[in-house]
Protein backbone atom coordinates (compact mmCIF):
# COMPACT_ATOMS: atom_id res chain seq x y z
CA MET A 1 -15.96 -12.89 10.58
CA SER A 2 -18.03 -10.22 12.52
CA ALA A 3 -18.07 -8.35 15.35
CA SER A 4 -20.46 -5.55 17.27
CA PHE A 5 -19.57 -2.30 18.60
CA ALA A 6 -21.33 0.66 20.53
CA ILE A 7 -19.63 4.00 20.35
CA GLY A 8 -21.08 6.84 21.99
CA ASP A 9 -25.35 6.52 20.43
CA ALA A 10 -24.12 4.21 17.41
CA ARG A 11 -24.38 1.05 17.34
CA PHE A 12 -22.95 -0.84 14.14
CA ALA A 13 -21.14 -4.14 13.55
CA ILE A 14 -18.30 -4.92 11.62
CA ARG A 15 -17.57 -7.67 9.26
CA SER A 16 -14.20 -9.17 7.49
CA THR A 17 -13.16 -11.41 4.70
CA SER A 18 -9.94 -12.66 7.05
CA HIS A 19 -10.44 -14.39 10.39
CA ALA A 20 -6.95 -12.60 11.66
CA PHE A 21 -8.26 -9.00 10.81
CA GLY A 22 -11.66 -9.74 13.01
CA GLU A 23 -9.88 -10.97 15.85
CA TRP A 24 -7.51 -7.71 15.43
CA VAL A 25 -10.91 -5.64 15.28
CA THR A 26 -12.32 -7.36 18.10
CA GLU A 27 -9.34 -6.84 20.57
CA ALA A 28 -8.61 -3.14 19.31
CA LEU A 29 -12.07 -2.63 19.91
CA GLY A 30 -12.71 -4.14 23.16
CA ALA A 31 -13.84 -1.38 25.29
CA TYR A 32 -16.95 -0.96 22.93
CA GLY A 33 -17.64 -4.47 22.18
CA VAL A 34 -21.12 -5.65 22.53
CA GLU A 35 -23.75 -8.39 21.92
CA ASP A 36 -24.65 -9.12 18.21
CA VAL A 37 -25.93 -5.98 15.97
CA GLU A 38 -27.65 -6.54 12.74
CA ASP A 39 -26.54 -3.24 11.37
CA PHE A 40 -23.10 -4.25 9.18
CA VAL A 41 -22.01 -0.86 8.33
CA TYR A 42 -18.50 -1.29 7.83
CA SER A 43 -16.88 -4.32 5.60
CA VAL A 44 -13.71 -5.57 5.09
CA VAL A 45 -12.29 -7.26 2.29
CA VAL A 46 -8.79 -8.48 2.63
CA PRO A 47 -6.82 -11.19 0.05
CA GLU A 48 -5.33 -13.84 0.59
CA PRO A 49 -1.66 -13.32 1.86
CA PRO A 50 0.62 -12.34 -1.18
CA ALA A 51 3.37 -14.97 -2.24
CA ARG A 52 5.60 -11.94 -3.28
CA GLY A 53 4.54 -8.36 -1.75
CA ALA A 54 0.73 -6.87 -1.60
CA LYS A 55 -0.70 -7.65 -5.15
CA GLU A 56 -4.33 -7.50 -4.42
CA PHE A 57 -6.33 -4.68 -2.18
CA LEU A 58 -7.57 -4.58 0.45
CA ILE A 59 -10.58 -2.91 0.75
CA LEU A 60 -12.90 -0.84 3.71
CA TYR A 61 -16.65 -0.70 2.88
CA ARG A 62 -19.09 1.87 4.58
CA GLY A 63 -22.73 0.76 3.67
CA SER A 64 -21.64 -0.23 -0.30
CA SER A 65 -19.36 2.22 -0.96
CA ALA A 66 -15.89 1.46 -1.31
CA MET A 67 -14.39 3.78 0.86
CA VAL A 68 -10.51 2.82 0.53
CA ARG A 69 -8.18 0.82 -1.21
CA THR A 70 -5.00 -0.33 0.17
CA LEU A 71 -2.39 -2.54 -0.32
CA ASP A 72 -1.16 -2.31 3.17
CA PRO A 73 -2.93 -3.66 5.87
CA VAL A 74 -1.65 -1.04 8.60
CA THR A 75 -3.08 1.97 6.37
CA LEU A 76 -6.25 -0.20 6.26
CA GLY A 77 -6.59 -0.35 10.13
CA ARG A 78 -5.87 3.37 10.36
CA SER A 79 -8.36 4.40 8.06
CA LEU A 80 -10.97 1.94 10.12
CA LEU A 81 -9.75 3.43 13.10
CA ALA A 82 -9.83 7.06 11.87
CA GLU A 83 -13.50 6.54 10.84
CA LEU A 84 -14.50 5.52 13.71
CA GLU A 85 -13.01 8.59 15.45
CA THR A 86 -15.86 10.74 13.59
CA VAL A 87 -18.77 8.93 15.48
CA ARG A 88 -18.67 11.47 18.67
CA PHE A 89 -16.78 14.50 16.77
CA HIS A 90 -20.20 15.97 17.12
CA GLU A 91 -19.59 15.71 21.04
CA ARG A 92 -16.16 17.72 21.19
CA ASP A 93 -15.19 21.52 21.10
CA ASP A 94 -11.27 21.13 20.57
CA ALA A 95 -11.32 21.68 17.02
CA VAL A 96 -14.09 22.42 14.27
CA TYR A 97 -14.53 18.77 12.60
CA VAL A 98 -15.50 18.61 8.93
CA MET A 99 -16.67 15.95 6.82
CA ALA A 100 -13.81 16.71 4.10
CA SER A 101 -10.41 15.24 3.44
CA VAL A 102 -6.55 16.00 2.92
CA GLY A 103 -5.46 14.49 -0.45
CA GLU A 104 -1.77 15.62 -2.71
CA VAL A 105 -1.38 17.27 -5.85
CA GLY A 106 2.76 17.39 -6.68
CA GLY A 107 3.16 17.88 -2.62
CA VAL A 108 0.98 20.36 -1.86
CA PRO A 109 -2.55 19.45 0.70
CA ILE A 110 -5.95 19.92 -1.27
CA LEU A 111 -8.94 19.83 1.05
CA ILE A 112 -11.76 18.04 -1.05
CA PRO A 113 -15.19 16.84 -0.15
CA SER A 114 -15.28 13.36 1.64
CA SER A 115 -18.13 12.17 -0.14
CA ILE A 116 -16.01 11.45 -3.51
CA LEU A 117 -13.88 9.14 -1.82
CA PRO A 118 -15.44 5.92 -3.02
CA LYS A 119 -14.36 7.34 -6.71
CA LEU A 120 -10.95 7.88 -5.46
CA ALA A 121 -10.66 4.59 -4.50
CA LYS A 122 -11.96 3.48 -7.71
CA LEU A 123 -8.09 5.32 -9.12
CA GLY A 124 -5.81 2.25 -7.18
CA ARG A 125 -2.30 2.73 -8.05
CA ARG A 126 -3.26 4.73 -11.23
CA ALA A 127 -3.29 7.55 -8.30
CA SER A 128 0.18 7.39 -7.12
CA ARG A 129 1.53 6.88 -10.73
CA SER A 130 0.07 10.64 -11.46
CA GLY A 131 1.65 12.40 -8.55
CA PHE A 132 -1.70 12.74 -6.68
CA ARG A 133 -2.40 10.89 -3.27
CA ILE A 134 -6.00 9.90 -2.05
CA PRO A 135 -6.93 10.78 1.58
CA GLY A 136 -6.68 7.93 3.80
CA GLN A 137 -9.76 9.52 6.19
CA ARG A 138 -12.54 11.19 5.17
CA ALA A 139 -12.87 13.82 8.26
CA VAL A 140 -10.56 16.83 9.15
CA ALA A 141 -9.98 18.74 12.46
CA ILE A 142 -9.30 22.61 11.82
CA ASP A 143 -7.38 24.18 14.77
CA ILE A 144 -9.75 26.88 16.10
CA GLU A 145 -6.86 29.61 16.98
CA THR A 146 -4.46 28.95 14.01
CA ALA A 147 -7.34 28.11 11.07
CA THR A 148 -4.48 25.37 10.02
CA ILE A 149 -5.74 21.33 9.00
CA MET A 150 -4.61 19.62 12.53
CA PRO A 151 -3.94 16.03 13.45
CA ILE A 152 -6.95 14.52 15.18
CA ASP A 153 -6.74 14.00 18.88
CA HIS A 154 -7.61 10.45 19.16
CA ALA A 155 -10.17 10.12 21.42
CA LEU A 156 -10.93 6.38 21.03
CA ASP A 157 -9.80 3.81 23.66
CA VAL A 158 -7.75 1.37 21.55
CA PRO A 159 -4.58 -0.20 22.77
CA ASP A 160 -1.22 2.22 21.84
CA SER A 161 0.07 -1.23 20.22
CA ALA A 162 -2.56 -1.67 18.07
CA LEU A 163 -1.85 -0.97 14.63
CA GLU A 164 1.70 -2.87 15.61
CA ARG A 165 -0.57 -5.73 16.82
CA LEU A 166 -2.15 -5.14 13.08
CA ALA A 167 1.12 -5.71 11.20
CA ALA A 168 2.23 -8.84 12.85
CA ALA A 169 -1.36 -10.23 12.01
CA LEU A 170 -1.22 -9.99 8.30
CA PRO A 171 2.30 -9.75 8.02
CA TRP A 172 3.29 -8.31 4.92
CA GLN A 173 3.33 -4.37 3.33
CA GLY A 174 2.33 -3.15 0.19
CA THR A 175 2.73 0.54 -0.85
CA ASP A 176 0.69 3.03 -2.84
CA GLY A 177 0.69 6.09 -0.47
CA LEU A 178 -2.38 7.21 1.02
CA CYS A 179 -2.88 10.42 2.50
CA PHE A 180 -2.80 11.22 6.63
CA THR A 181 -2.70 13.77 8.51
CA ASP A 182 0.57 13.62 10.39
CA GLU A 183 1.21 17.66 11.58
CA SER A 184 -0.51 20.72 11.20
CA VAL A 185 -0.62 22.04 6.95
CA HIS A 186 -1.64 24.91 5.33
CA VAL A 187 -4.07 23.55 2.38
CA GLY A 188 -2.86 25.06 -0.82
CA ALA A 189 -6.75 24.87 -2.19
CA LEU A 190 -9.89 24.02 -1.75
CA VAL A 191 -12.27 21.65 -4.37
CA VAL A 192 -16.04 21.62 -3.80
CA ALA A 193 -18.39 19.60 -5.38
CA SER A 194 -20.91 20.74 -7.47
CA THR A 195 -23.34 19.76 -10.41
CA ASP A 196 -23.02 23.33 -11.85
CA ALA A 197 -19.42 23.47 -12.81
CA GLU A 198 -19.59 24.39 -16.17
CA SER A 199 -15.90 22.33 -16.86
CA SER A 200 -13.64 19.91 -14.70
CA LEU A 201 -12.55 22.96 -12.61
CA ASP A 202 -14.16 26.30 -11.99
CA PRO A 203 -12.54 29.11 -9.63
CA VAL A 204 -15.43 30.13 -7.64
CA ARG A 205 -15.94 32.92 -4.71
CA LYS A 206 -14.90 32.68 -1.24
CA ALA A 207 -18.45 32.22 0.12
CA TYR A 208 -18.65 29.04 -1.88
CA GLY A 209 -15.76 27.42 0.12
CA LEU A 210 -17.01 28.78 2.92
CA ALA A 211 -20.56 27.65 2.59
CA ALA A 212 -19.41 23.51 1.56
CA LEU A 213 -17.07 23.69 4.85
CA THR A 214 -19.94 24.86 7.12
CA SER A 215 -22.37 22.41 5.61
CA SER A 216 -20.15 19.60 6.27
CA THR A 217 -18.86 20.86 10.02
CA VAL A 218 -20.44 18.12 12.73
CA ASN A 219 -19.78 20.42 15.87
CA PHE A 220 -20.97 24.29 15.29
CA GLN A 221 -22.84 23.49 18.27
CA ARG A 222 -19.83 23.25 20.31
CA VAL A 223 -17.85 25.59 18.69
CA GLY A 224 -20.07 28.10 17.68
CA GLY A 225 -19.14 31.43 16.49
CA ARG A 226 -14.85 31.05 16.62
CA GLY A 227 -15.67 27.82 14.36
CA LEU A 228 -17.28 29.97 11.51
CA GLU A 229 -14.43 32.06 12.15
CA ALA A 230 -11.10 29.55 11.54
CA LEU A 231 -13.18 28.17 8.75
CA GLY A 232 -13.10 31.93 6.87
CA ARG A 233 -9.47 32.23 7.52
CA LEU A 234 -8.90 28.64 6.16
CA VAL A 235 -10.75 29.90 3.00
CA GLU A 236 -9.00 33.35 2.75
CA ARG A 237 -5.66 31.56 2.61
CA ALA A 238 -6.42 29.06 -0.41
CA PRO A 239 -8.03 29.46 -4.00
CA VAL A 240 -11.31 28.04 -4.22
CA TYR A 241 -12.61 25.62 -7.32
CA ARG A 242 -15.62 23.48 -7.40
CA SER A 243 -15.75 20.50 -10.15
CA THR A 244 -18.37 17.83 -10.69
CA TRP A 245 -15.61 15.54 -10.12
CA THR A 246 -17.01 13.23 -13.34
CA ASP A 247 -13.18 12.45 -13.81
CA PRO A 248 -11.08 12.65 -10.55
CA ALA A 249 -7.92 12.22 -12.64
CA ASP A 250 -8.37 15.07 -14.61
CA VAL A 251 -9.48 17.36 -11.89
CA PHE A 252 -6.45 16.67 -9.94
CA SER A 253 -4.37 17.58 -13.13
CA ARG A 254 -6.31 20.63 -13.74
CA LEU A 255 -5.91 21.58 -10.40
CA GLY A 256 -1.93 20.81 -10.55
CA ASP A 257 -1.84 22.99 -13.30
CA ALA A 258 -4.01 25.80 -11.76
CA ILE A 259 -1.79 26.16 -8.72
CA GLY A 260 1.31 25.36 -10.43
CA VAL A 261 3.05 22.33 -9.53
CA GLY A 262 1.40 20.14 -11.89
CA SER A 263 0.39 16.79 -11.56
């Protein structure tokens, strides 16, 4: 099943292997429905309902890359809605919007590149067994005044009961611990992606982290110098590392040792 939408200047289609999920998307995003669009930006794979709890992953693809794997239908829906919020971030000035993600190592929030989410999605259950939580969204909002990661103020015209309706449409639950920003947090570390890293995890200067965040910010035209100052304050509070992310599980393990929490 597929449906087409337009949010701002973006026109895209979402397709799903599940009729129930497709109907939910069509209803939840009804305010943005348009005639058929051939550009299938997002695809959602939903397995058959399990006999005893969720056994197979539901997968959200962006293009050909698996962005999210989860055992819980509501988590998948939440990730999709969070993804669609990013479409108009460049128009907003209520926060600094950065294409980066918050995960957790030993309960400590860490800021990592959203570009590595397809690699993290492949870890599956190995992540939770190893003590780290994979991000469920690929963008963050940084409070201009406090320089903390804050919950994104949802701007999409979506019914408040949308996720409850999804839970009713796909009535099973799985536990995988994907990480969402539900309250303001200070990050315990920033890890950027680099092809120049000499090992799995290298400490680098603060300027390196600031440059990485700056290049990933989508609304600098709206927030200007205030936004840059907020990014600078965020980076000053946390150690900065770089990694090739060849082996994400090893990166998280080393990072846990580096910041003193284990993995």
